[in-house]
C-alpha atoms as a PDB file:
ATOM      1  CA  MET A   1      49.709  40.180 -69.381  1.00  0.00           C
ATOM      2  CA  THR A   2      51.252  36.815 -68.430  1.00  0.00           C
ATOM      3  CA  LYS A   3      50.778  33.295 -70.303  1.00  0.00           C
ATOM      4  CA  THR A   4      48.206  32.379 -68.631  1.00  0.00           C
ATOM      5  CA  THR A   5      46.130  34.951 -68.476  1.00  0.00           C
ATOM      6  CA  LYS A   6      45.755  35.182 -72.060  1.00  0.00           C
ATOM      7  CA  VAL A   7      45.007  31.478 -71.463  1.00  0.00           C
ATOM      8  CA  ILE A   8      42.562  31.818 -69.267  1.00  0.00           C
ATOM      9  CA  LEU A   9      40.517  34.885 -71.437  1.00  0.00           C
ATOM     10  CA  GLY A  10      41.196  33.151 -74.351  1.00  0.00           C
ATOM     11  CA  VAL A  11      38.672  29.887 -72.529  1.00  0.00           C
ATOM     12  CA  ILE A  12      36.415  32.532 -71.758  1.00  0.00           C
ATOM     13  CA  ILE A  13      36.283  34.109 -75.063  1.00  0.00           C
ATOM     14  CA  ALA A  14      35.619  30.683 -76.628  1.00  0.00           C
ATOM     15  CA  LEU A  15      32.756  29.544 -73.821  1.00  0.00           C
ATOM     16  CA  LEU A  16      31.146  33.117 -74.881  1.00  0.00           C
ATOM     17  CA  LEU A  17      30.897  32.935 -78.506  1.00  0.00           C
ATOM     18  CA  VAL A  18      29.373  28.804 -77.187  1.00  0.00           C
ATOM     19  CA  VAL A  19      26.416  30.762 -75.602  1.00  0.00           C
ATOM     20  CA  VAL A  20      25.770  33.602 -78.206  1.00  0.00           C
ATOM     21  CA  LEU A  21      25.892  30.186 -80.743  1.00  0.00           C
ATOM     22  CA  LEU A  22      23.724  28.614 -78.282  1.00  0.00           C
ATOM     23  CA  LEU A  23      21.530  31.278 -77.898  1.00  0.00           C
ATOM     24  CA  GLY A  24      20.914  32.397 -81.764  1.00  0.00           C
ATOM     25  CA  GLY A  25      19.698  28.928 -81.968  1.00  0.00           C
ATOM     26  CA  ILE A  26      17.134  29.624 -79.123  1.00  0.00           C
ATOM     27  CA  PHE A  27      16.573  33.106 -80.715  1.00  0.00           C
ATOM     28  CA  THR A  28      15.427  31.505 -83.793  1.00  0.00           C
ATOM     29  CA  VAL A  29      13.442  29.023 -82.553  1.00  0.00           C
ATOM     30  CA  ILE A  30      11.381  31.115 -80.851  1.00  0.00           C
ATOM     31  CA  SER A  31      11.179  34.107 -83.725  1.00  0.00           C
ATOM     32  CA  GLY A  32      11.086  30.967 -86.318  1.00  0.00           C
ATOM     33  CA  VAL A  33       8.096  30.306 -88.677  1.00  0.00           C
ATOM     34  CA  PHE A  34       4.682  28.025 -86.801  1.00  0.00           C
ATOM     35  CA  GLY A  35       2.902  26.366 -89.003  1.00  0.00           C
ATOM     36  CA  MET A  36       4.656  27.129 -91.971  1.00  0.00           C
ATOM     37  CA  ASN A  37       5.649  24.440 -94.102  1.00  0.00           C
ATOM     38  CA  GLU A  38       4.622  23.285 -98.226  1.00  0.00           C
ATOM     39  CA  HIS A  39       0.476  22.866 -97.237  1.00  0.00           C
ATOM     40  CA  PRO A  40      -0.974  25.025 -99.781  1.00  0.00           C
ATOM     41  CA  ASN A  41      -4.229  26.094 -97.419  1.00  0.00           C
ATOM     42  CA  GLN A  42      -2.788  28.041 -95.294  1.00  0.00           C
ATOM     43  CA  LEU A  43      -4.919  30.801 -93.443  1.00  0.00           C
ATOM     44  CA  ALA A  44      -2.458  33.400 -91.879  1.00  0.00           C
ATOM     45  CA  VAL A  45      -2.976  34.506 -88.125  1.00  0.00           C
ATOM     46  CA  ILE A  46      -1.953  37.654 -87.194  1.00  0.00           C
ATOM     47  CA  ASP A  47      -2.374  39.265 -83.337  1.00  0.00           C
ATOM     48  CA  ILE A  48      -2.959  43.013 -82.558  1.00  0.00           C
ATOM     49  CA  THR A  49      -3.020  42.759 -78.928  1.00  0.00           C
ATOM     50  CA  GLY A  50      -1.929  45.523 -76.420  1.00  0.00           C
ATOM     51  CA  VAL A  51      -1.879  49.362 -76.917  1.00  0.00           C
ATOM     52  CA  ILE A  52      -1.576  49.797 -80.289  1.00  0.00           C
ATOM     53  CA  SER A  53       1.758  52.160 -80.667  1.00  0.00           C
ATOM     54  CA  SER A  54       4.201  53.072 -83.226  1.00  0.00           C
ATOM     55  CA  ARG A  55       7.251  51.414 -80.549  1.00  0.00           C
ATOM     56  CA  GLN A  56       8.830  48.870 -81.365  1.00  0.00           C
ATOM     57  CA  ALA A  57       7.492  46.315 -79.336  1.00  0.00           C
ATOM     58  CA  GLY A  58       9.551  45.698 -76.026  1.00  0.00           C
ATOM     59  CA  LEU A  59       8.177  43.584 -72.204  1.00  0.00           C
ATOM     60  CA  SER A  60       5.429  46.399 -72.712  1.00  0.00           C
ATOM     61  CA  SER A  61       1.434  44.941 -73.419  1.00  0.00           C
ATOM     62  CA  GLN A  62       2.075  47.212 -76.975  1.00  0.00           C
ATOM     63  CA  ALA A  63       0.713  46.016 -80.816  1.00  0.00           C
ATOM     64  CA  SER A  64       3.656  48.255 -82.362  1.00  0.00           C
ATOM     65  CA  SER A  65       2.711  48.941 -85.704  1.00  0.00           C
ATOM     66  CA  MET A  66       5.711  48.409 -87.558  1.00  0.00           C
ATOM     67  CA  ARG A  67       6.176  44.393 -86.359  1.00  0.00           C
ATOM     68  CA  ILE A  68       2.525  44.193 -87.185  1.00  0.00           C
ATOM     69  CA  MET A  69       3.090  45.739 -90.990  1.00  0.00           C
ATOM     70  CA  GLU A  70       6.485  43.856 -91.386  1.00  0.00           C
ATOM     71  CA  GLN A  71       4.371  40.687 -90.004  1.00  0.00           C
ATOM     72  CA  LEU A  72       1.715  41.336 -92.739  1.00  0.00           C
ATOM     73  CA  ASP A  73       4.331  42.465 -95.228  1.00  0.00           C
ATOM     74  CA  GLN A  74       5.603  38.619 -95.337  1.00  0.00           C
ATOM     75  CA  PHE A  75       2.337  37.281 -95.810  1.00  0.00           C
ATOM     76  CA  LYS A  76       1.944  38.779 -99.023  1.00  0.00           C
ATOM     77  CA  GLY A  77       5.232  36.198-100.511  1.00  0.00           C
ATOM     78  CA  ASP A  78       3.673  33.585 -99.784  1.00  0.00           C
ATOM     79  CA  GLU A  79       1.040  32.131-102.466  1.00  0.00           C
ATOM     80  CA  ASN A  80      -0.229  28.960 -99.981  1.00  0.00           C
ATOM     81  CA  ILE A  81      -1.127  31.975 -97.493  1.00  0.00           C
ATOM     82  CA  LYS A  82      -5.134  32.008 -98.745  1.00  0.00           C
ATOM     83  CA  GLY A  83      -6.707  34.290 -96.182  1.00  0.00           C
ATOM     84  CA  LEU A  84      -5.710  35.788 -93.077  1.00  0.00           C
ATOM     85  CA  VAL A  85      -7.413  36.115 -89.499  1.00  0.00           C
ATOM     86  CA  LEU A  86      -6.743  39.461 -87.342  1.00  0.00           C
ATOM     87  CA  ARG A  87      -7.086  38.471 -83.807  1.00  0.00           C
ATOM     88  CA  ILE A  88      -7.977  42.384 -82.153  1.00  0.00           C
ATOM     89  CA  ASN A  89      -7.397  42.755 -77.744  1.00  0.00           C
ATOM     90  CA  SER A  90      -6.749  46.323 -78.121  1.00  0.00           C
ATOM     91  CA  PRO A  91      -8.400  49.437 -76.273  1.00  0.00           C
ATOM     92  CA  GLY A  92      -6.368  51.165 -79.124  1.00  0.00           C
ATOM     93  CA  GLY A  93      -3.972  54.059 -79.160  1.00  0.00           C
ATOM     94  CA  SER A  94      -2.266  56.334 -81.344  1.00  0.00           C
ATOM     95  CA  SER A  95      -3.799  56.857 -84.047  1.00  0.00           C
ATOM     96  CA  ALA A  96      -0.676  57.070 -86.213  1.00  0.00           C
ATOM     97  CA  ALA A  97      -0.068  53.852 -85.591  1.00  0.00           C
ATOM     98  CA  SER A  98      -3.717  52.828 -86.013  1.00  0.00           C
ATOM     99  CA  GLU A  99      -4.006  54.236 -89.538  1.00  0.00           C
ATOM    100  CA  ALA A 100      -0.521  53.192 -90.159  1.00  0.00           C
ATOM    101  CA  ILE A 101      -1.618  48.977 -89.886  1.00  0.00           C
ATOM    102  CA  TYR A 102      -5.375  50.049 -91.422  1.00  0.00           C
ATOM    103  CA  GLN A 103      -3.568  50.888 -94.612  1.00  0.00           C
ATOM    104  CA  GLU A 104      -1.673  47.961 -94.564  1.00  0.00           C
ATOM    105  CA  VAL A 105      -3.983  45.757 -94.399  1.00  0.00           C
ATOM    106  CA  LEU A 106      -5.985  47.427 -96.646  1.00  0.00           C
ATOM    107  CA  ASP A 107      -2.803  47.078 -99.427  1.00  0.00           C
ATOM    108  CA  TYR A 108      -2.425  42.980 -98.076  1.00  0.00           C
ATOM    109  CA  LYS A 109      -5.866  42.586 -99.390  1.00  0.00           C
ATOM    110  CA  GLU A 110      -5.310  44.944-102.784  1.00  0.00           C
ATOM    111  CA  THR A 111      -1.715  42.693-103.586  1.00  0.00           C
ATOM    112  CA  THR A 112      -3.333  39.257-102.619  1.00  0.00           C
ATOM    113  CA  GLY A 113      -6.628  39.936-103.309  1.00  0.00           C
ATOM    114  CA  ASN A 114      -6.887  37.566-100.709  1.00  0.00           C
ATOM    115  CA  PRO A 115     -10.026  37.919 -98.019  1.00  0.00           C
ATOM    116  CA  VAL A 116      -9.401  39.331 -94.088  1.00  0.00           C
ATOM    117  CA  VAL A 117     -11.435  38.914 -91.358  1.00  0.00           C
ATOM    118  CA  VAL A 118     -11.345  40.090 -87.684  1.00  0.00           C
ATOM    119  CA  ALA A 119     -11.957  38.030 -84.386  1.00  0.00           C
ATOM    120  CA  MET A 120     -12.654  40.514 -81.774  1.00  0.00           C
ATOM    121  CA  GLU A 121     -11.493  39.374 -78.310  1.00  0.00           C
ATOM    122  CA  ASP A 122     -11.275  40.912 -74.934  1.00  0.00           C
ATOM    123  CA  VAL A 123     -11.564  44.158 -75.988  1.00  0.00           C
ATOM    124  CA  ALA A 124     -11.580  46.012 -79.671  1.00  0.00           C
ATOM    125  CA  ALA A 125     -12.298  49.556 -78.876  1.00  0.00           C
ATOM    126  CA  SER A 126     -11.131  52.746 -80.972  1.00  0.00           C
ATOM    127  CA  GLY A 127      -8.176  51.763 -83.023  1.00  0.00           C
ATOM    128  CA  GLY A 128      -8.753  48.591 -82.186  1.00  0.00           C
ATOM    129  CA  TYR A 129     -11.762  48.803 -84.342  1.00  0.00           C
ATOM    130  CA  TYR A 130     -10.752  51.376 -86.696  1.00  0.00           C
ATOM    131  CA  ILE A 131      -8.089  48.661 -88.084  1.00  0.00           C
ATOM    132  CA  ALA A 132     -11.197  46.021 -87.456  1.00  0.00           C
ATOM    133  CA  THR A 133     -12.831  47.869 -90.294  1.00  0.00           C
ATOM    134  CA  ALA A 134     -10.313  46.828 -92.852  1.00  0.00           C
ATOM    135  CA  GLY A 135     -11.338  43.135 -92.925  1.00  0.00           C
ATOM    136  CA  ASP A 136     -14.172  41.839 -95.231  1.00  0.00           C
ATOM    137  CA  LYS A 137     -15.795  40.552 -91.720  1.00  0.00           C
ATOM    138  CA  ILE A 138     -16.002  41.453 -88.448  1.00  0.00           C
ATOM    139  CA  PHE A 139     -16.366  38.904 -85.666  1.00  0.00           C
ATOM    140  CA  ALA A 140     -17.324  39.610 -81.593  1.00  0.00           C
ATOM    141  CA  ASN A 141     -17.721  37.494 -78.939  1.00  0.00           C
ATOM    142  CA  SER A 142     -21.189  38.716 -77.620  1.00  0.00           C
ATOM    143  CA  SER A 143     -19.595  40.562 -74.324  1.00  0.00           C
ATOM    144  CA  THR A 144     -16.556  42.305 -76.346  1.00  0.00           C
ATOM    145  CA  THR A 145     -16.072  45.497 -75.924  1.00  0.00           C
ATOM    146  CA  THR A 146     -15.726  47.077 -78.577  1.00  0.00           C
ATOM    147  CA  GLY A 147     -16.867  50.476 -80.231  1.00  0.00           C
ATOM    148  CA  SER A 148     -14.991  53.943 -78.472  1.00  0.00           C
ATOM    149  CA  ILE A 149     -15.384  55.447 -81.747  1.00  0.00           C
ATOM    150  CA  GLY A 150     -13.493  59.093 -80.931  1.00  0.00           C
ATOM    151  CA  VAL A 151     -10.285  60.648 -80.428  1.00  0.00           C
ATOM    152  CA  ILE A 152      -9.011  61.946 -77.208  1.00  0.00           C
ATOM    153  CA  MET A 153      -5.232  64.332 -76.595  1.00  0.00           C
ATOM    154  CA  GLN A 154      -4.759  65.170 -72.980  1.00  0.00           C
ATOM    155  CA  PHE A 155      -2.324  67.948 -71.840  1.00  0.00           C
ATOM    156  CA  LYS A 156      -1.887  68.135 -67.643  1.00  0.00           C
ATOM    157  CA  ASP A 157      -1.570  71.360 -65.445  1.00  0.00           C
ATOM    158  CA  MET A 158       1.128  71.234 -63.383  1.00  0.00           C
ATOM    159  CA  ARG A 159       1.523  74.489 -61.985  1.00  0.00           C
ATOM    160  CA  GLU A 160       0.401  73.843 -58.682  1.00  0.00           C
ATOM    161  CA  LEU A 161       2.998  71.215 -58.228  1.00  0.00           C
ATOM    162  CA  TYR A 162       5.800  73.239 -59.667  1.00  0.00           C
ATOM    163  CA  ASP A 163       4.765  75.938 -57.957  1.00  0.00           C
ATOM    164  CA  LYS A 164       4.923  73.865 -54.359  1.00  0.00           C
ATOM    165  CA  ILE A 165       8.435  72.399 -55.195  1.00  0.00           C
ATOM    166  CA  GLY A 166      10.079  75.144 -56.984  1.00  0.00           C
ATOM    167  CA  ILE A 167      10.510  74.812 -60.630  1.00  0.00           C
ATOM    168  CA  ARG A 168      10.142  77.149 -63.026  1.00  0.00           C
ATOM    169  CA  ASN A 169      11.066  76.740 -66.619  1.00  0.00           C
ATOM    170  CA  VAL A 170      12.405  79.224 -69.263  1.00  0.00           C
ATOM    171  CA  THR A 171      10.754  78.827 -72.273  1.00  0.00           C
ATOM    172  CA  PHE A 172      12.650  80.247 -75.795  1.00  0.00           C
ATOM    173  CA  LYS A 173      10.329  79.478 -79.372  1.00  0.00           C
ATOM    174  CA  SER A 174      10.013  80.242 -82.360  1.00  0.00           C
ATOM    175  CA  GLY A 175       6.554  80.760 -83.165  1.00  0.00           C
ATOM    176  CA  ASP A 176       2.962  81.502 -80.811  1.00  0.00           C
ATOM    177  CA  TYR A 177       2.569  77.976 -80.618  1.00  0.00           C
ATOM    178  CA  LYS A 178       5.695  75.799 -80.441  1.00  0.00           C
ATOM    179  CA  ASP A 179       5.198  74.859 -77.017  1.00  0.00           C
ATOM    180  CA  ILE A 180       1.769  74.076 -77.286  1.00  0.00           C
ATOM    181  CA  GLY A 181       0.908  71.913 -74.245  1.00  0.00           C
ATOM    182  CA  ASN A 182       3.469  73.223 -71.923  1.00  0.00           C
ATOM    183  CA  PRO A 183       2.357  71.954 -68.193  1.00  0.00           C
ATOM    184  CA  ASP A 184       3.673  75.202 -66.398  1.00  0.00           C
ATOM    185  CA  ARG A 185       0.845  77.105 -68.488  1.00  0.00           C
ATOM    186  CA  GLU A 186      -2.632  77.517 -69.414  1.00  0.00           C
ATOM    187  CA  LEU A 187      -3.521  76.921 -72.391  1.00  0.00           C
ATOM    188  CA  THR A 188      -4.569  80.533 -74.548  1.00  0.00           C
ATOM    189  CA  ALA A 189      -8.265  80.431 -76.270  1.00  0.00           C
ATOM    190  CA  GLU A 190      -6.809  80.202 -79.950  1.00  0.00           C
ATOM    191  CA  GLU A 191      -4.564  77.328 -78.537  1.00  0.00           C
ATOM    192  CA  GLU A 192      -7.559  75.703 -77.553  1.00  0.00           C
ATOM    193  CA  SER A 193      -9.434  76.442 -80.519  1.00  0.00           C
ATOM    194  CA  PHE A 194      -6.331  75.166 -82.911  1.00  0.00           C
ATOM    195  CA  LEU A 195      -6.166  71.912 -80.816  1.00  0.00           C
ATOM    196  CA  GLN A 196     -10.091  70.875 -80.508  1.00  0.00           C
ATOM    197  CA  GLU A 197     -10.243  71.223 -84.503  1.00  0.00           C
ATOM    198  CA  LEU A 198      -7.305  68.926 -85.300  1.00  0.00           C
ATOM    199  CA  VAL A 199      -9.528  66.327 -82.622  1.00  0.00           C
ATOM    200  CA  GLU A 200     -12.348  66.660 -84.789  1.00  0.00           C
ATOM    201  CA  GLU A 201     -10.581  66.758 -88.188  1.00  0.00           C
ATOM    202  CA  ILE A 202      -8.822  63.519 -87.492  1.00  0.00           C
ATOM    203  CA  HIS A 203     -12.945  62.381 -85.860  1.00  0.00           C
ATOM    204  CA  GLU A 204     -13.745  63.414 -89.057  1.00  0.00           C
ATOM    205  CA  GLN A 205     -11.597  60.558 -90.788  1.00  0.00           C
ATOM    206  CA  PHE A 206     -12.363  58.261 -88.606  1.00  0.00           C
ATOM    207  CA  VAL A 207     -15.773  58.300 -89.324  1.00  0.00           C
ATOM    208  CA  GLY A 208     -14.807  58.598 -93.067  1.00  0.00           C
ATOM    209  CA  THR A 209     -13.280  55.285 -92.405  1.00  0.00           C
ATOM    210  CA  ILE A 210     -16.291  53.535 -90.889  1.00  0.00           C
ATOM    211  CA  VAL A 211     -18.491  55.273 -93.541  1.00  0.00           C
ATOM    212  CA  LYS A 212     -17.285  53.129 -96.077  1.00  0.00           C
ATOM    213  CA  GLU A 213     -15.967  50.705 -95.198  1.00  0.00           C
ATOM    214  CA  ARG A 214     -19.580  49.842 -93.493  1.00  0.00           C
ATOM    215  CA  ASN A 215     -20.903  50.654 -95.553  1.00  0.00           C
ATOM    216  CA  LEU A 216     -23.378  52.872 -93.395  1.00  0.00           C
ATOM    217  CA  GLU A 217     -25.288  56.280 -93.217  1.00  0.00           C
ATOM    218  CA  LYS A 218     -22.822  59.052 -91.937  1.00  0.00           C
ATOM    219  CA  GLU A 219     -25.563  60.673 -89.939  1.00  0.00           C
ATOM    220  CA  LYS A 220     -26.178  56.968 -88.626  1.00  0.00           C
ATOM    221  CA  VAL A 221     -22.013  56.602 -87.677  1.00  0.00           C
ATOM    222  CA  GLU A 222     -22.296  60.184 -85.885  1.00  0.00           C
ATOM    223  CA  GLU A 223     -24.369  58.992 -84.016  1.00  0.00           C
ATOM    224  CA  LEU A 224     -22.778  56.179 -82.559  1.00  0.00           C
ATOM    225  CA  ALA A 225     -19.140  58.195 -82.850  1.00  0.00           C
ATOM    226  CA  ASP A 226     -19.796  59.774 -78.977  1.00  0.00           C
ATOM    227  CA  GLY A 227     -17.119  57.844 -77.798  1.00  0.00           C
ATOM    228  CA  ARG A 228     -19.864  55.558 -76.209  1.00  0.00           C
ATOM    229  CA  ILE A 229     -18.345  52.039 -75.870  1.00  0.00           C
ATOM    230  CA  PHE A 230     -20.667  48.549 -77.009  1.00  0.00           C
ATOM    231  CA  THR A 231     -21.073  44.721 -75.818  1.00  0.00           C
ATOM    232  CA  GLY A 232     -20.157  42.626 -78.887  1.00  0.00           C
ATOM    233  CA  ALA A 233     -24.121  41.636 -79.406  1.00  0.00           C
ATOM    234  CA  GLN A 234     -24.977  46.034 -78.983  1.00  0.00           C
ATOM    235  CA  ALA A 235     -22.227  46.332 -82.089  1.00  0.00           C
ATOM    236  CA  LYS A 236     -24.020  44.442 -84.276  1.00  0.00           C
ATOM    237  CA  GLU A 237     -27.147  45.439 -83.863  1.00  0.00           C
ATOM    238  CA  VAL A 238     -26.075  48.914 -84.892  1.00  0.00           C
ATOM    239  CA  ASN A 239     -23.728  47.563 -88.097  1.00  0.00           C
ATOM    240  CA  LEU A 240     -20.582  47.595 -86.201  1.00  0.00           C
ATOM    241  CA  VAL A 241     -19.669  43.970 -86.353  1.00  0.00           C
ATOM    242  CA  ASP A 242     -21.177  41.192 -88.543  1.00  0.00           C
ATOM    243  CA  GLN A 243     -21.212  37.695 -86.762  1.00  0.00           C
ATOM    244  CA  LEU A 244     -21.246  36.691 -82.731  1.00  0.00           C
ATOM    245  CA  GLY A 245     -18.495  34.549 -82.648  1.00  0.00           C
ATOM    246  CA  ASN A 246     -15.039  33.503 -81.600  1.00  0.00           C
ATOM    247  CA  PHE A 247     -12.156  32.973 -83.314  1.00  0.00           C
ATOM    248  CA  TYR A 248     -12.925  28.898 -84.887  1.00  0.00           C
ATOM    249  CA  ARG A 249     -16.220  30.817 -86.001  1.00  0.00           C
ATOM    250  CA  ALA A 250     -13.621  33.364 -87.706  1.00  0.00           C
ATOM    251  CA  VAL A 251     -11.445  30.968 -88.952  1.00  0.00           C
ATOM    252  CA  ASP A 252     -14.370  29.067 -90.563  1.00  0.00           C
ATOM    253  CA  GLU A 253     -15.895  31.736 -91.817  1.00  0.00           C
ATOM    254  CA  LEU A 254     -12.678  32.484 -93.860  1.00  0.00           C
ATOM    255  CA  GLU A 255     -12.103  28.879 -95.320  1.00  0.00           C
ATOM    256  CA  LYS A 256     -15.651  29.929 -96.975  1.00  0.00           C
ATOM    257  CA  MET A 257     -14.471  32.947 -98.541  1.00  0.00           C
ATOM    258  CA  ALA A 258     -11.429  31.599 -99.251  1.00  0.00           C
ATOM    259  CA  GLY A 259     -13.064  28.801-101.248  1.00  0.00           C
ATOM    260  CA  ILE A 260     -10.514  26.146 -99.059  1.00  0.00           C
ATOM    261  CA  GLU A 261     -12.472  22.424 -99.187  1.00  0.00           C
ATOM    262  CA  GLY A 262     -11.197  20.616 -96.734  1.00  0.00           C
ATOM    263  CA  GLU A 263      -8.602  21.263 -93.765  1.00  0.00           C
ATOM    264  CA  SER A 264      -6.895  24.573 -94.079  1.00  0.00           C
ATOM    265  CA  LYS A 265      -3.428  25.505 -91.866  1.00  0.00           C
ATOM    266  CA  LEU A 266      -3.642  28.326 -89.484  1.00  0.00           C
ATOM    267  CA  VAL A 267      -0.159  29.692 -89.610  1.00  0.00           C
ATOM    268  CA  TYR A 268       1.632  32.324 -87.074  1.00  0.00           C
ATOM    269  CA  TYR A 269       5.268  33.337 -88.218  1.00  0.00           C
ATOM    270  CA  GLY A 270       6.467  36.627 -88.060  1.00  0.00           C
ATOM    271  CA  HIS A 271       6.788  36.527 -84.404  1.00  0.00           C
ATOM    272  CA  GLN A 272       9.293  39.158 -82.439  1.00  0.00           C
ATOM    273  CA  SER A 273      12.010  36.849 -81.152  1.00  0.00           C
ATOM    274  CA  LEU A 274      13.374  37.577 -77.988  1.00  0.00           C
ATOM    275  CA  LEU A 275      16.756  39.130 -78.543  1.00  0.00           C
ATOM    276  CA  ASP A 276      14.110  42.048 -80.155  1.00  0.00           C
ATOM    277  CA  ILE A 277      12.172  42.257 -77.065  1.00  0.00           C
ATOM    278  CA  ILE A 278      15.170  42.507 -74.691  1.00  0.00           C
ATOM    279  CA  THR A 279      16.875  45.104 -77.234  1.00  0.00           C
ATOM    280  CA  THR A 280      13.688  46.941 -78.058  1.00  0.00           C
ATOM    281  CA  SER A 281      12.527  47.213 -73.833  1.00  0.00           C
ATOM    282  CA  VAL A 282      15.992  48.312 -72.953  1.00  0.00           C
ATOM    283  CA  LEU A 283      15.875  50.652 -75.538  1.00  0.00           C
ATOM    284  CA  SER A 284      12.243  51.741 -74.495  1.00  0.00           C
ATOM    285  CA  LYS A 285      13.892  52.633 -71.072  1.00  0.00           C
ATOM    286  CA  PHE A 286      16.128  55.395 -72.109  1.00  0.00           C
ATOM    287  CA  ASN A 287      13.384  56.272 -75.272  1.00  0.00           C
ATOM    288  CA  LEU A 288      16.080  55.932 -77.782  1.00  0.00           C
ATOM    289  CA  ASN A 289      13.247  54.853 -80.309  1.00  0.00           C
ATOM    290  CA  ASP A 290      10.528  57.280 -79.480  1.00  0.00           C
ATOM    291  CA  ASN A 291       9.031  59.578 -81.663  1.00  0.00           C
ATOM    292  CA  LEU A 292       8.883  63.323 -80.979  1.00  0.00           C
ATOM    293  CA  GLY A 293       6.077  65.282 -81.381  1.00  0.00           C
ATOM    294  CA  PHE A 294       2.129  65.100 -80.623  1.00  0.00           C
ATOM    295  CA  LYS A 295       0.234  61.964 -80.461  1.00  0.00           C
ATOM    296  CA  TYR A 296      -3.309  61.617 -81.194  1.00  0.00           C
ATOM    297  CA  GLN A 297      -5.289  58.461 -78.992  1.00  0.00           C
ATOM    298  CA  PHE A 298      -7.927  56.824 -80.885  1.00  0.00           C
ATOM    299  CA  ASN A 299      -8.890  55.357 -77.418  1.00  0.00           C
END
């Protein structure tokens, strides 16, 4: 390597370092704390937007349970935070991810003693509604789509397609149920019964959560839990939500519940950095951060 080449490489490396430092500063601004200061009456806001998933959030429209739980954990340690608004705009998604967020909201309430109010946007259905039940009060717009209380599990039967294109799968398994859901064969009667029992068990958990959190009779919830959707106005009539109103009405109510007199400050922080978005999006394309196994859906 000549002296000139070394100099050119050195300059390139130096320029790259400068670019990295500049980008790091930009990423810090993007992912930093928005609204955090010494204001004594802060109200935290967490957005749950898109399909609920345990996957780390990338560029796809998903509400990552890990990201949301991290945000909730951040708010626990701030004594200036007097309450929390969950702004939900989600059709549902993974039952496990929804349950994880729900439990973390309950833990936040127990740990801090702060009230939690839910503000439903366009849609807060299925898993989105499941999470909402953890709130002390639920607000919905009259035209919000909510409900869809139920559990679904689906498999694809691709035998005819495989036959047409000449694909033949060979399976070795250690137990009768190990390849359940295999798309190149029919489900057996035993498998159908087994899966239906699992779905019904998770559905019972969903119903039980609503009975407990909404203080409703089980028979009433079971009538509503057939997968149907409700407008916000209809949901209020059957006590699935507490009040009709937008995000700002929910904030007003939270101020009262938190005993705040005077001005409060909304804070949004723990946002995903641009670098995180790019990295996790790339990982998701290669399925490097997916969990293996069955996924039950609240949708």
